[in-house]
N, C-alpha and C. Protein backbone atom coordinates (compact mmCIF):
# COMPACT_ATOMS: atom_id res chain seq x y z
N MET A 1 -4.72 -13.57 -30.69
CA MET A 1 -4.52 -13.58 -29.25
C MET A 1 -4.66 -12.15 -28.71
N ILE A 2 -5.38 -12.02 -27.62
CA ILE A 2 -5.64 -10.70 -27.03
C ILE A 2 -4.39 -10.21 -26.29
N GLN A 3 -4.05 -8.96 -26.55
CA GLN A 3 -2.90 -8.33 -25.91
C GLN A 3 -3.40 -7.35 -24.85
N TYR A 4 -2.87 -7.46 -23.65
CA TYR A 4 -3.23 -6.57 -22.55
C TYR A 4 -2.08 -5.60 -22.30
N SER A 5 -2.43 -4.43 -21.79
CA SER A 5 -1.38 -3.51 -21.32
C SER A 5 -1.27 -3.69 -19.80
N ILE A 6 -0.15 -3.29 -19.27
CA ILE A 6 0.11 -3.46 -17.84
C ILE A 6 0.30 -2.10 -17.20
N GLU A 7 -0.36 -1.91 -16.05
CA GLU A 7 -0.17 -0.70 -15.27
C GLU A 7 0.17 -1.10 -13.84
N PHE A 8 0.90 -0.24 -13.17
CA PHE A 8 1.33 -0.48 -11.80
C PHE A 8 0.69 0.52 -10.87
N THR A 9 0.11 0.03 -9.78
CA THR A 9 -0.39 0.94 -8.76
C THR A 9 0.82 1.56 -8.06
N GLU A 10 0.57 2.59 -7.32
CA GLU A 10 1.66 3.22 -6.56
C GLU A 10 2.28 2.22 -5.57
N SER A 11 1.43 1.40 -4.96
CA SER A 11 1.93 0.39 -4.02
C SER A 11 2.86 -0.60 -4.73
N ALA A 12 2.48 -1.02 -5.94
CA ALA A 12 3.31 -1.96 -6.69
C ALA A 12 4.64 -1.31 -7.09
N GLN A 13 4.60 -0.03 -7.45
CA GLN A 13 5.84 0.67 -7.79
C GLN A 13 6.77 0.72 -6.57
N ASN A 14 6.21 1.02 -5.41
CA ASN A 14 7.00 1.04 -4.18
C ASN A 14 7.54 -0.35 -3.86
N ASP A 15 6.71 -1.37 -4.05
CA ASP A 15 7.16 -2.75 -3.82
C ASP A 15 8.34 -3.09 -4.72
N PHE A 16 8.24 -2.71 -5.99
CA PHE A 16 9.32 -3.02 -6.93
C PHE A 16 10.62 -2.35 -6.50
N PHE A 17 10.54 -1.09 -6.09
CA PHE A 17 11.72 -0.39 -5.60
C PHE A 17 12.30 -1.10 -4.38
N ASN A 18 11.43 -1.51 -3.45
CA ASN A 18 11.91 -2.21 -2.25
C ASN A 18 12.53 -3.56 -2.59
N LEU A 19 11.96 -4.28 -3.56
CA LEU A 19 12.55 -5.55 -3.99
C LEU A 19 13.92 -5.33 -4.63
N TYR A 20 14.04 -4.25 -5.40
CA TYR A 20 15.33 -3.92 -6.01
C TYR A 20 16.36 -3.65 -4.91
N CYS A 21 15.98 -2.88 -3.91
CA CYS A 21 16.90 -2.60 -2.79
C CYS A 21 17.25 -3.87 -2.03
N TYR A 22 16.27 -4.73 -1.83
CA TYR A 22 16.51 -5.99 -1.12
C TYR A 22 17.47 -6.87 -1.92
N GLU A 23 17.30 -6.88 -3.25
CA GLU A 23 18.17 -7.69 -4.10
C GLU A 23 19.63 -7.25 -3.99
N THR A 24 19.85 -5.95 -3.86
CA THR A 24 21.23 -5.46 -3.79
C THR A 24 21.91 -5.85 -2.48
N THR A 25 21.13 -6.04 -1.41
CA THR A 25 21.72 -6.41 -0.12
C THR A 25 21.64 -7.91 0.16
N HIS A 26 20.81 -8.62 -0.58
CA HIS A 26 20.64 -10.07 -0.40
C HIS A 26 20.69 -10.76 -1.76
N PRO A 27 21.86 -10.81 -2.39
CA PRO A 27 21.96 -11.41 -3.72
C PRO A 27 21.44 -12.85 -3.73
N GLY A 28 20.71 -13.18 -4.79
CA GLY A 28 20.20 -14.54 -4.94
C GLY A 28 18.83 -14.77 -4.34
N CYS A 29 18.35 -13.87 -3.48
CA CYS A 29 17.03 -14.05 -2.86
C CYS A 29 15.91 -13.63 -3.81
N VAL A 30 16.13 -12.53 -4.50
CA VAL A 30 15.13 -11.98 -5.40
C VAL A 30 15.82 -11.63 -6.71
N SER A 31 15.21 -11.99 -7.82
CA SER A 31 15.75 -11.59 -9.12
C SER A 31 14.79 -10.59 -9.75
N VAL A 32 15.17 -9.32 -9.70
CA VAL A 32 14.33 -8.26 -10.26
C VAL A 32 14.17 -8.46 -11.77
N GLU A 33 15.21 -8.92 -12.43
CA GLU A 33 15.12 -9.15 -13.88
C GLU A 33 14.11 -10.25 -14.20
N ASP A 34 14.14 -11.34 -13.44
CA ASP A 34 13.16 -12.42 -13.65
C ASP A 34 11.75 -11.92 -13.36
N LEU A 35 11.63 -11.08 -12.35
CA LEU A 35 10.33 -10.52 -11.99
C LEU A 35 9.79 -9.64 -13.12
N LYS A 36 10.66 -8.83 -13.73
CA LYS A 36 10.24 -7.98 -14.84
C LYS A 36 9.75 -8.82 -16.02
N VAL A 37 10.45 -9.91 -16.31
CA VAL A 37 10.05 -10.79 -17.41
C VAL A 37 8.70 -11.44 -17.09
N ALA A 38 8.55 -11.90 -15.85
CA ALA A 38 7.30 -12.57 -15.45
C ALA A 38 6.12 -11.61 -15.54
N VAL A 39 6.29 -10.39 -15.05
CA VAL A 39 5.20 -9.40 -15.11
C VAL A 39 4.88 -9.06 -16.56
N SER A 40 5.89 -8.92 -17.39
CA SER A 40 5.66 -8.63 -18.81
C SER A 40 4.87 -9.74 -19.49
N SER A 41 5.04 -10.97 -19.02
CA SER A 41 4.33 -12.10 -19.62
C SER A 41 2.82 -12.00 -19.41
N LEU A 42 2.38 -11.17 -18.48
CA LEU A 42 0.95 -11.00 -18.23
C LEU A 42 0.25 -10.25 -19.36
N GLU A 43 1.01 -9.72 -20.31
CA GLU A 43 0.41 -9.06 -21.47
C GLU A 43 -0.39 -10.04 -22.31
N VAL A 44 -0.06 -11.32 -22.20
CA VAL A 44 -0.75 -12.37 -22.95
C VAL A 44 -1.28 -13.41 -21.97
N MET A 45 -2.54 -13.72 -22.06
CA MET A 45 -3.20 -14.74 -21.22
C MET A 45 -2.98 -14.54 -19.72
N PRO A 46 -3.33 -13.37 -19.18
CA PRO A 46 -3.14 -13.15 -17.75
C PRO A 46 -4.07 -14.01 -16.89
N GLU A 47 -5.08 -14.61 -17.50
CA GLU A 47 -6.02 -15.47 -16.77
C GLU A 47 -5.40 -16.80 -16.38
N ARG A 48 -4.21 -17.11 -16.85
CA ARG A 48 -3.62 -18.42 -16.61
C ARG A 48 -3.22 -18.65 -15.14
N PHE A 49 -3.18 -17.59 -14.36
CA PHE A 49 -2.83 -17.73 -12.95
C PHE A 49 -4.10 -17.72 -12.10
N PRO A 50 -4.06 -18.40 -10.95
CA PRO A 50 -5.28 -18.55 -10.14
C PRO A 50 -5.65 -17.29 -9.37
N TYR A 51 -6.89 -17.29 -8.91
CA TYR A 51 -7.33 -16.26 -8.00
C TYR A 51 -6.64 -16.47 -6.66
N PHE A 52 -6.37 -15.38 -5.96
CA PHE A 52 -5.84 -15.48 -4.60
C PHE A 52 -6.95 -16.07 -3.76
N GLU A 53 -6.66 -17.11 -3.00
CA GLU A 53 -7.68 -17.92 -2.34
C GLU A 53 -8.36 -17.26 -1.15
N GLU A 54 -7.83 -16.18 -0.67
CA GLU A 54 -8.50 -15.46 0.42
C GLU A 54 -9.86 -15.00 -0.11
N LYS A 55 -10.95 -15.32 0.60
CA LYS A 55 -12.30 -15.06 0.10
C LYS A 55 -12.50 -13.62 -0.36
N GLU A 56 -12.05 -12.68 0.44
CA GLU A 56 -12.21 -11.27 0.08
C GLU A 56 -11.50 -10.95 -1.24
N MET A 57 -10.37 -11.58 -1.50
CA MET A 57 -9.63 -11.30 -2.72
C MET A 57 -10.25 -12.00 -3.93
N VAL A 58 -10.82 -13.20 -3.73
CA VAL A 58 -11.49 -13.87 -4.83
C VAL A 58 -12.68 -13.04 -5.28
N ASP A 59 -13.42 -12.49 -4.32
CA ASP A 59 -14.56 -11.64 -4.65
C ASP A 59 -14.14 -10.42 -5.46
N LYS A 60 -12.94 -9.92 -5.22
CA LYS A 60 -12.42 -8.76 -5.96
C LYS A 60 -11.70 -9.18 -7.24
N GLN A 61 -11.66 -10.50 -7.48
CA GLN A 61 -11.01 -11.07 -8.66
C GLN A 61 -9.52 -10.76 -8.72
N VAL A 62 -8.88 -10.77 -7.56
CA VAL A 62 -7.44 -10.58 -7.50
C VAL A 62 -6.77 -11.92 -7.77
N ARG A 63 -5.81 -11.92 -8.66
CA ARG A 63 -5.07 -13.13 -9.00
C ARG A 63 -3.66 -13.04 -8.42
N ILE A 64 -3.03 -14.22 -8.33
CA ILE A 64 -1.67 -14.28 -7.78
C ILE A 64 -0.77 -15.05 -8.74
N MET A 65 0.40 -14.47 -8.99
CA MET A 65 1.44 -15.12 -9.77
C MET A 65 2.67 -15.20 -8.88
N LYS A 66 3.21 -16.39 -8.74
CA LYS A 66 4.42 -16.55 -7.94
C LYS A 66 5.62 -16.65 -8.87
N GLU A 67 6.61 -15.84 -8.57
CA GLU A 67 7.88 -15.85 -9.32
C GLU A 67 8.98 -15.98 -8.29
N GLY A 68 9.54 -17.18 -8.16
CA GLY A 68 10.54 -17.42 -7.13
C GLY A 68 9.89 -17.21 -5.77
N LYS A 69 10.48 -16.34 -4.97
CA LYS A 69 9.94 -16.04 -3.65
C LYS A 69 9.12 -14.75 -3.63
N THR A 70 8.72 -14.31 -4.81
CA THR A 70 7.92 -13.09 -4.92
C THR A 70 6.52 -13.43 -5.40
N CYS A 71 5.53 -12.83 -4.79
CA CYS A 71 4.14 -12.98 -5.22
C CYS A 71 3.69 -11.67 -5.85
N VAL A 72 3.11 -11.78 -7.03
CA VAL A 72 2.57 -10.63 -7.73
C VAL A 72 1.05 -10.75 -7.68
N PHE A 73 0.41 -9.73 -7.13
CA PHE A 73 -1.05 -9.70 -7.04
C PHE A 73 -1.55 -8.72 -8.09
N TYR A 74 -2.55 -9.16 -8.86
CA TYR A 74 -3.02 -8.31 -9.95
C TYR A 74 -4.50 -8.52 -10.24
N TYR A 75 -5.05 -7.57 -10.96
CA TYR A 75 -6.45 -7.55 -11.34
C TYR A 75 -6.52 -7.37 -12.86
N ILE A 76 -7.44 -8.09 -13.50
CA ILE A 76 -7.60 -7.98 -14.95
C ILE A 76 -8.90 -7.24 -15.26
N ASN A 77 -8.78 -6.16 -16.03
CA ASN A 77 -9.97 -5.47 -16.53
C ASN A 77 -10.13 -5.89 -17.99
N LYS A 78 -11.08 -6.80 -18.22
CA LYS A 78 -11.26 -7.36 -19.56
C LYS A 78 -11.86 -6.34 -20.53
N GLU A 79 -12.59 -5.38 -20.01
CA GLU A 79 -13.19 -4.36 -20.88
C GLU A 79 -12.13 -3.44 -21.48
N THR A 80 -11.20 -2.99 -20.64
CA THR A 80 -10.17 -2.06 -21.11
C THR A 80 -8.89 -2.77 -21.54
N LYS A 81 -8.83 -4.09 -21.33
CA LYS A 81 -7.64 -4.90 -21.66
C LYS A 81 -6.41 -4.41 -20.91
N VAL A 82 -6.61 -4.15 -19.59
CA VAL A 82 -5.52 -3.68 -18.74
C VAL A 82 -5.34 -4.64 -17.57
N VAL A 83 -4.10 -5.00 -17.31
CA VAL A 83 -3.73 -5.77 -16.12
C VAL A 83 -3.15 -4.78 -15.12
N SER A 84 -3.78 -4.66 -13.96
CA SER A 84 -3.30 -3.74 -12.93
C SER A 84 -2.50 -4.54 -11.90
N ILE A 85 -1.22 -4.24 -11.81
CA ILE A 85 -0.36 -4.87 -10.81
C ILE A 85 -0.62 -4.13 -9.50
N LEU A 86 -1.12 -4.87 -8.51
CA LEU A 86 -1.51 -4.26 -7.24
C LEU A 86 -0.37 -4.26 -6.23
N ARG A 87 0.28 -5.40 -6.06
CA ARG A 87 1.39 -5.54 -5.09
C ARG A 87 2.38 -6.56 -5.64
N MET A 88 3.64 -6.43 -5.23
CA MET A 88 4.70 -7.40 -5.52
C MET A 88 5.47 -7.59 -4.23
N LEU A 89 5.26 -8.74 -3.58
CA LEU A 89 5.78 -8.94 -2.24
C LEU A 89 6.69 -10.15 -2.14
N PHE A 90 7.78 -9.98 -1.42
CA PHE A 90 8.71 -11.06 -1.12
C PHE A 90 8.12 -11.89 0.00
N ILE A 91 7.97 -13.17 -0.22
CA ILE A 91 7.34 -14.05 0.76
C ILE A 91 8.38 -14.99 1.33
N GLN A 92 8.60 -14.90 2.64
CA GLN A 92 9.52 -15.81 3.31
C GLN A 92 8.77 -16.94 3.99
N ASP A 93 7.53 -16.71 4.31
CA ASP A 93 6.75 -17.67 5.06
C ASP A 93 5.38 -17.78 4.41
N VAL A 94 4.97 -19.00 4.09
CA VAL A 94 3.69 -19.21 3.42
C VAL A 94 2.53 -18.64 4.23
N ALA A 95 2.63 -18.69 5.55
CA ALA A 95 1.55 -18.16 6.40
C ALA A 95 1.36 -16.67 6.21
N VAL A 96 2.40 -15.96 5.80
CA VAL A 96 2.30 -14.52 5.59
C VAL A 96 1.32 -14.22 4.47
N GLU A 97 1.21 -15.10 3.47
CA GLU A 97 0.32 -14.87 2.35
C GLU A 97 -1.11 -14.62 2.81
N GLN A 98 -1.54 -15.28 3.85
CA GLN A 98 -2.91 -15.14 4.33
C GLN A 98 -3.14 -13.82 5.04
N GLN A 99 -2.09 -13.06 5.32
CA GLN A 99 -2.22 -11.81 6.06
C GLN A 99 -2.03 -10.58 5.17
N LEU A 100 -1.88 -10.78 3.87
CA LEU A 100 -1.58 -9.68 2.97
C LEU A 100 -2.78 -8.80 2.75
N VAL A 101 -2.52 -7.50 2.65
CA VAL A 101 -3.55 -6.53 2.34
C VAL A 101 -3.28 -6.03 0.93
N VAL A 102 -4.27 -6.12 0.08
CA VAL A 102 -4.11 -5.73 -1.31
C VAL A 102 -5.06 -4.57 -1.60
N SER A 103 -4.55 -3.53 -2.25
CA SER A 103 -5.37 -2.36 -2.60
C SER A 103 -6.34 -2.73 -3.70
N SER A 104 -7.53 -2.19 -3.64
CA SER A 104 -8.52 -2.41 -4.68
C SER A 104 -8.10 -1.64 -5.93
N PRO A 105 -8.25 -2.24 -7.12
CA PRO A 105 -7.85 -1.54 -8.35
C PRO A 105 -8.70 -0.32 -8.64
N THR A 106 -9.86 -0.22 -8.02
CA THR A 106 -10.72 0.94 -8.29
C THR A 106 -10.38 2.12 -7.39
N THR A 107 -9.61 1.88 -6.33
CA THR A 107 -9.30 2.98 -5.41
C THR A 107 -7.90 3.53 -5.58
N GLU A 108 -7.07 2.83 -6.32
CA GLU A 108 -5.68 3.27 -6.47
C GLU A 108 -5.30 3.19 -7.92
N LYS A 109 -4.75 4.24 -8.48
CA LYS A 109 -4.33 4.26 -9.89
C LYS A 109 -2.84 4.35 -9.98
């Protein structure tokens, strides 16, 4: 089985910090520990989650993993065996998903 490494963009790191802060003020809404486990699971078979259905994101091969009320957006580089976590966002409204802006993995390290 192919093992991937995981890297976080600066935006994803900021998102994680914001989710941690949100969890401390809104217990039960977001589980940072569950999110860490879910993201770590992308080391194996990251293709199991679908592409984000927004046309622009499908073209960029951005995938989406939902963990509770958090959406993790990521890109898989099969050549380097790296999963780039682009954003981790708390979603309160399904309509918000269609308005998300995701950084390209080639422009942000």
